[in-house]
């Protein structure tokens, strides 16, 4: 299962990524909405974990 994490807090994003990788997920990580839109348009994700308080 492929997961996109959209999170600007690097420590939280890294922890989420480590946990998901440990459970066998394929994980992509981006830090802002523009990157998220680009990633979502370029790749098919099963799940998107989205920070609702992104800056900008």
PDB file of N, CA and C in Angstrom:
ATOM      1  N   UNK A   1       0.852  -1.169   0.000  1.00  0.00           N
ATOM      2  CA  UNK A   1       0.000   0.000   0.000  1.00  0.00           C
ATOM      3  C   UNK A   1       0.901   1.237   0.000  1.00  0.00           C
ATOM      4  N   UNK A   2       0.585   2.196  -0.838  1.00  0.00           N
ATOM      5  CA  UNK A   2       1.401   3.410  -0.972  1.00  0.00           C
ATOM      6  C   UNK A   2       0.732   4.566  -0.236  1.00  0.00           C
ATOM      7  N   UNK A   3       1.526   5.250   0.602  1.00  0.00           N
ATOM      8  CA  UNK A   3       1.027   6.327   1.461  1.00  0.00           C
ATOM      9  C   UNK A   3       1.792   7.609   1.161  1.00  0.00           C
ATOM     10  N   UNK A   4       1.060   8.718   1.071  1.00  0.00           N
ATOM     11  CA  UNK A   4       1.668  10.040   0.970  1.00  0.00           C
ATOM     12  C   UNK A   4       1.438  10.761   2.289  1.00  0.00           C
ATOM     13  N   UNK A   5       2.517  11.212   2.924  1.00  0.00           N
ATOM     14  CA  UNK A   5       2.425  12.015   4.144  1.00  0.00           C
ATOM     15  C   UNK A   5       2.701  13.460   3.762  1.00  0.00           C
ATOM     16  N   UNK A   6       1.774  14.352   4.127  1.00  0.00           N
ATOM     17  CA  UNK A   6       1.939  15.788   3.896  1.00  0.00           C
ATOM     18  C   UNK A   6       2.013  16.432   5.273  1.00  0.00           C
ATOM     19  N   UNK A   7       3.226  16.771   5.697  1.00  0.00           N
ATOM     20  CA  UNK A   7       3.448  17.260   7.065  1.00  0.00           C
ATOM     21  C   UNK A   7       4.657  18.190   7.079  1.00  0.00           C
ATOM     22  N   UNK A   8       4.491  19.402   7.639  1.00  0.00           N
ATOM     23  CA  UNK A   8       5.597  20.359   7.682  1.00  0.00           C
ATOM     24  C   UNK A   8       6.468  20.217   8.929  1.00  0.00           C
ATOM     25  N   UNK A   9       6.000  19.511   9.938  1.00  0.00           N
ATOM     26  CA  UNK A   9       6.800  19.260  11.144  1.00  0.00           C
ATOM     27  C   UNK A   9       7.700  18.056  10.857  1.00  0.00           C
ATOM     28  N   UNK A  10       8.975  18.313  10.680  1.00  0.00           N
ATOM     29  CA  UNK A  10       9.898  17.260  10.245  1.00  0.00           C
ATOM     30  C   UNK A  10      10.019  16.107  11.230  1.00  0.00           C
ATOM     31  N   UNK A  11       9.988  16.401  12.522  1.00  0.00           N
ATOM     32  CA  UNK A  11      10.092  15.315  13.520  1.00  0.00           C
ATOM     33  C   UNK A  11       8.864  14.411  13.464  1.00  0.00           C
ATOM     34  N   UNK A  12       7.686  15.013  13.402  1.00  0.00           N
ATOM     35  CA  UNK A  12       6.455  14.228  13.323  1.00  0.00           C
ATOM     36  C   UNK A  12       6.414  13.428  12.026  1.00  0.00           C
ATOM     37  N   UNK A  13       6.771  14.064  10.922  1.00  0.00           N
ATOM     38  CA  UNK A  13       6.764  13.379   9.630  1.00  0.00           C
ATOM     39  C   UNK A  13       7.711  12.179   9.640  1.00  0.00           C
ATOM     40  N   UNK A  14       8.891  12.364  10.207  1.00  0.00           N
ATOM     41  CA  UNK A  14       9.864  11.269  10.269  1.00  0.00           C
ATOM     42  C   UNK A  14       9.348  10.116  11.121  1.00  0.00           C
ATOM     43  N   UNK A  15       8.706  10.435  12.232  1.00  0.00           N
ATOM     44  CA  UNK A  15       8.159   9.389  13.104  1.00  0.00           C
ATOM     45  C   UNK A  15       7.040   8.623  12.399  1.00  0.00           C
ATOM     46  N   UNK A  16       6.156   9.341  11.724  1.00  0.00           N
ATOM     47  CA  UNK A  16       5.082   8.687  10.967  1.00  0.00           C
ATOM     48  C   UNK A  16       5.664   7.786   9.883  1.00  0.00           C
ATOM     49  N   UNK A  17       6.638   8.311   9.172  1.00  0.00           N
ATOM     50  CA  UNK A  17       7.269   7.556   8.092  1.00  0.00           C
ATOM     51  C   UNK A  17       7.922   6.280   8.619  1.00  0.00           C
ATOM     52  N   UNK A  18       8.693   6.397   9.696  1.00  0.00           N
ATOM     53  CA  UNK A  18       9.353   5.213  10.279  1.00  0.00           C
ATOM     54  C   UNK A  18       8.329   4.150  10.666  1.00  0.00           C
ATOM     55  N   UNK A  19       7.265   4.578  11.329  1.00  0.00           N
ATOM     56  CA  UNK A  19       6.247   3.625  11.759  1.00  0.00           C
ATOM     57  C   UNK A  19       5.568   2.927  10.594  1.00  0.00           C
ATOM     58  N   UNK A  20       5.234   3.688   9.569  1.00  0.00           N
ATOM     59  CA  UNK A  20       4.574   3.095   8.405  1.00  0.00           C
ATOM     60  C   UNK A  20       5.516   2.175   7.634  1.00  0.00           C
ATOM     61  N   UNK A  21       6.776   2.580   7.483  1.00  0.00           N
ATOM     62  CA  UNK A  21       7.749   1.714   6.816  1.00  0.00           C
ATOM     63  C   UNK A  21       7.938   0.411   7.580  1.00  0.00           C
ATOM     64  N   UNK A  22       7.993   0.506   8.897  1.00  0.00           N
ATOM     65  CA  UNK A  22       8.160  -0.681   9.742  1.00  0.00           C
ATOM     66  C   UNK A  22       6.998  -1.658   9.540  1.00  0.00           C
ATOM     67  N   UNK A  23       5.807  -1.125   9.238  1.00  0.00           N
ATOM     68  CA  UNK A  23       4.636  -1.975   9.024  1.00  0.00           C
ATOM     69  C   UNK A  23       4.495  -2.444   7.573  1.00  0.00           C
ATOM     70  N   UNK A  24       5.459  -2.066   6.729  1.00  0.00           N
ATOM     71  CA  UNK A  24       5.475  -2.573   5.364  1.00  0.00           C
ATOM     72  C   UNK A  24       4.869  -1.668   4.307  1.00  0.00           C
ATOM     73  N   UNK A  25       4.525  -0.437   4.664  1.00  0.00           N
ATOM     74  CA  UNK A  25       3.962   0.497   3.699  1.00  0.00           C
ATOM     75  C   UNK A  25       5.072   1.140   2.874  1.00  0.00           C
ATOM     76  N   UNK A  26       4.730   1.536   1.662  1.00  0.00           N
ATOM     77  CA  UNK A  26       5.608   2.364   0.838  1.00  0.00           C
ATOM     78  C   UNK A  26       5.212   3.808   1.124  1.00  0.00           C
ATOM     79  N   UNK A  27       6.176   4.654   1.513  1.00  0.00           N
ATOM     80  CA  UNK A  27       5.848   5.994   2.011  1.00  0.00           C
ATOM     81  C   UNK A  27       6.588   7.071   1.233  1.00  0.00           C
ATOM     82  N   UNK A  28       5.822   8.070   0.781  1.00  0.00           N
ATOM     83  CA  UNK A  28       6.392   9.288   0.210  1.00  0.00           C
ATOM     84  C   UNK A  28       6.080  10.410   1.188  1.00  0.00           C
ATOM     85  N   UNK A  29       6.989  11.366   1.286  1.00  0.00           N
ATOM     86  CA  UNK A  29       6.851  12.442   2.263  1.00  0.00           C
ATOM     87  C   UNK A  29       7.072  13.782   1.579  1.00  0.00           C
ATOM     88  N   UNK A  30       6.137  14.716   1.774  1.00  0.00           N
ATOM     89  CA  UNK A  30       6.281  16.086   1.274  1.00  0.00           C
ATOM     90  C   UNK A  30       5.936  17.047   2.403  1.00  0.00           C
ATOM     91  N   UNK A  31       6.403  18.311   2.259  1.00  0.00           N
ATOM     92  CA  UNK A  31       6.266  19.271   3.356  1.00  0.00           C
ATOM     93  C   UNK A  31       5.233  20.364   3.134  1.00  0.00           C
ATOM     94  N   UNK A  32       4.678  20.482   1.918  1.00  0.00           N
ATOM     95  CA  UNK A  32       3.694  21.549   1.720  1.00  0.00           C
ATOM     96  C   UNK A  32       2.642  21.145   0.694  1.00  0.00           C
ATOM     97  N   UNK A  33       1.623  21.976   0.596  1.00  0.00           N
ATOM     98  CA  UNK A  33       0.497  21.670  -0.271  1.00  0.00           C
ATOM     99  C   UNK A  33       0.852  21.595  -1.742  1.00  0.00           C
ATOM    100  N   UNK A  34       1.731  22.490  -2.201  1.00  0.00           N
ATOM    101  CA  UNK A  34       2.133  22.464  -3.609  1.00  0.00           C
ATOM    102  C   UNK A  34       2.830  21.153  -3.957  1.00  0.00           C
ATOM    103  N   UNK A  35       3.722  20.716  -3.082  1.00  0.00           N
ATOM    104  CA  UNK A  35       4.401  19.432  -3.300  1.00  0.00           C
ATOM    105  C   UNK A  35       3.393  18.284  -3.268  1.00  0.00           C
ATOM    106  N   UNK A  36       2.416  18.379  -2.378  1.00  0.00           N
ATOM    107  CA  UNK A  36       1.404  17.327  -2.255  1.00  0.00           C
ATOM    108  C   UNK A  36       0.582  17.206  -3.535  1.00  0.00           C
ATOM    109  N   UNK A  37       0.188  18.343  -4.091  1.00  0.00           N
ATOM    110  CA  UNK A  37      -0.586  18.318  -5.335  1.00  0.00           C
ATOM    111  C   UNK A  37       0.243  17.699  -6.452  1.00  0.00           C
ATOM    112  N   UNK A  38       1.511  18.097  -6.544  1.00  0.00           N
ATOM    113  CA  UNK A  38       2.388  17.523  -7.564  1.00  0.00           C
ATOM    114  C   UNK A  38       2.552  16.025  -7.409  1.00  0.00           C
ATOM    115  N   UNK A  39       2.768  15.583  -6.182  1.00  0.00           N
ATOM    116  CA  UNK A  39       2.947  14.151  -5.923  1.00  0.00           C
ATOM    117  C   UNK A  39       1.672  13.375  -6.229  1.00  0.00           C
ATOM    118  N   UNK A  40       0.529  13.913  -5.814  1.00  0.00           N
ATOM    119  CA  UNK A  40      -0.746  13.226  -6.023  1.00  0.00           C
ATOM    120  C   UNK A  40      -1.110  13.152  -7.507  1.00  0.00           C
ATOM    121  N   UNK A  41      -0.696  14.154  -8.282  1.00  0.00           N
ATOM    122  CA  UNK A  41      -0.959  14.135  -9.725  1.00  0.00           C
ATOM    123  C   UNK A  41      -0.020  13.177 -10.456  1.00  0.00           C
ATOM    124  N   UNK A  42       1.174  12.990  -9.922  1.00  0.00           N
ATOM    125  CA  UNK A  42       2.185  12.172 -10.588  1.00  0.00           C
ATOM    126  C   UNK A  42       2.125  10.699 -10.205  1.00  0.00           C
ATOM    127  N   UNK A  43       1.563  10.403  -9.043  1.00  0.00           N
ATOM    128  CA  UNK A  43       1.602   9.045  -8.501  1.00  0.00           C
ATOM    129  C   UNK A  43       0.245   8.685  -7.917  1.00  0.00           C
ATOM    130  N   UNK A  44      -0.091   7.426  -7.975  1.00  0.00           N
ATOM    131  CA  UNK A  44      -1.333   6.946  -7.369  1.00  0.00           C
ATOM    132  C   UNK A  44      -1.052   6.501  -5.931  1.00  0.00           C
ATOM    133  N   UNK A  45      -1.769   7.085  -4.973  1.00  0.00           N
ATOM    134  CA  UNK A  45      -1.614   6.743  -3.562  1.00  0.00           C
ATOM    135  C   UNK A  45      -2.884   6.064  -3.063  1.00  0.00           C
ATOM    136  N   UNK A  46      -2.707   5.106  -2.175  1.00  0.00           N
ATOM    137  CA  UNK A  46      -3.845   4.452  -1.543  1.00  0.00           C
ATOM    138  C   UNK A  46      -4.380   5.285  -0.390  1.00  0.00           C
ATOM    139  N   UNK A  47      -3.467   6.002   0.283  1.00  0.00           N
ATOM    140  CA  UNK A  47      -3.820   6.813   1.456  1.00  0.00           C
ATOM    141  C   UNK A  47      -2.996   8.092   1.428  1.00  0.00           C
ATOM    142  N   UNK A  48      -3.634   9.211   1.794  1.00  0.00           N
ATOM    143  CA  UNK A  48      -2.915  10.472   1.983  1.00  0.00           C
ATOM    144  C   UNK A  48      -3.157  10.924   3.413  1.00  0.00           C
ATOM    145  N   UNK A  49      -2.071  11.074   4.175  1.00  0.00           N
ATOM    146  CA  UNK A  49      -2.131  11.582   5.548  1.00  0.00           C
ATOM    147  C   UNK A  49      -1.803  13.063   5.447  1.00  0.00           C
ATOM    148  N   UNK A  50      -2.798  13.918   5.701  1.00  0.00           N
ATOM    149  CA  UNK A  50      -2.681  15.344   5.431  1.00  0.00           C
ATOM    150  C   UNK A  50      -2.756  16.163   6.709  1.00  0.00           C
ATOM    151  N   UNK A  51      -1.734  16.973   6.933  1.00  0.00           N
ATOM    152  CA  UNK A  51      -1.716  17.942   8.030  1.00  0.00           C
ATOM    153  C   UNK A  51      -2.728  19.032   7.686  1.00  0.00           C
ATOM    154  N   UNK A  52      -3.725  19.246   8.522  1.00  0.00           N
ATOM    155  CA  UNK A  52      -4.768  20.235   8.222  1.00  0.00           C
ATOM    156  C   UNK A  52      -4.337  21.652   8.562  1.00  0.00           C
ATOM    157  N   UNK A  53      -3.178  21.830   9.190  1.00  0.00           N
ATOM    158  CA  UNK A  53      -2.697  23.157   9.573  1.00  0.00           C
ATOM    159  C   UNK A  53      -1.415  23.521   8.820  1.00  0.00           C
ATOM    160  N   UNK A  54      -1.358  23.202   7.527  1.00  0.00           N
ATOM    161  CA  UNK A  54      -0.175  23.538   6.735  1.00  0.00           C
ATOM    162  C   UNK A  54      -0.051  25.048   6.583  1.00  0.00           C
ATOM    163  N   UNK A  55       1.163  25.581   6.613  1.00  0.00           N
ATOM    164  CA  UNK A  55       1.343  27.018   6.408  1.00  0.00           C
ATOM    165  C   UNK A  55       1.071  27.404   4.957  1.00  0.00           C
ATOM    166  N   UNK A  56       0.700  28.678   4.772  1.00  0.00           N
ATOM    167  CA  UNK A  56       0.489  29.195   3.418  1.00  0.00           C
ATOM    168  C   UNK A  56      -0.860  28.915   2.981  1.00  0.00           C
TER     169      UNK A  56
END
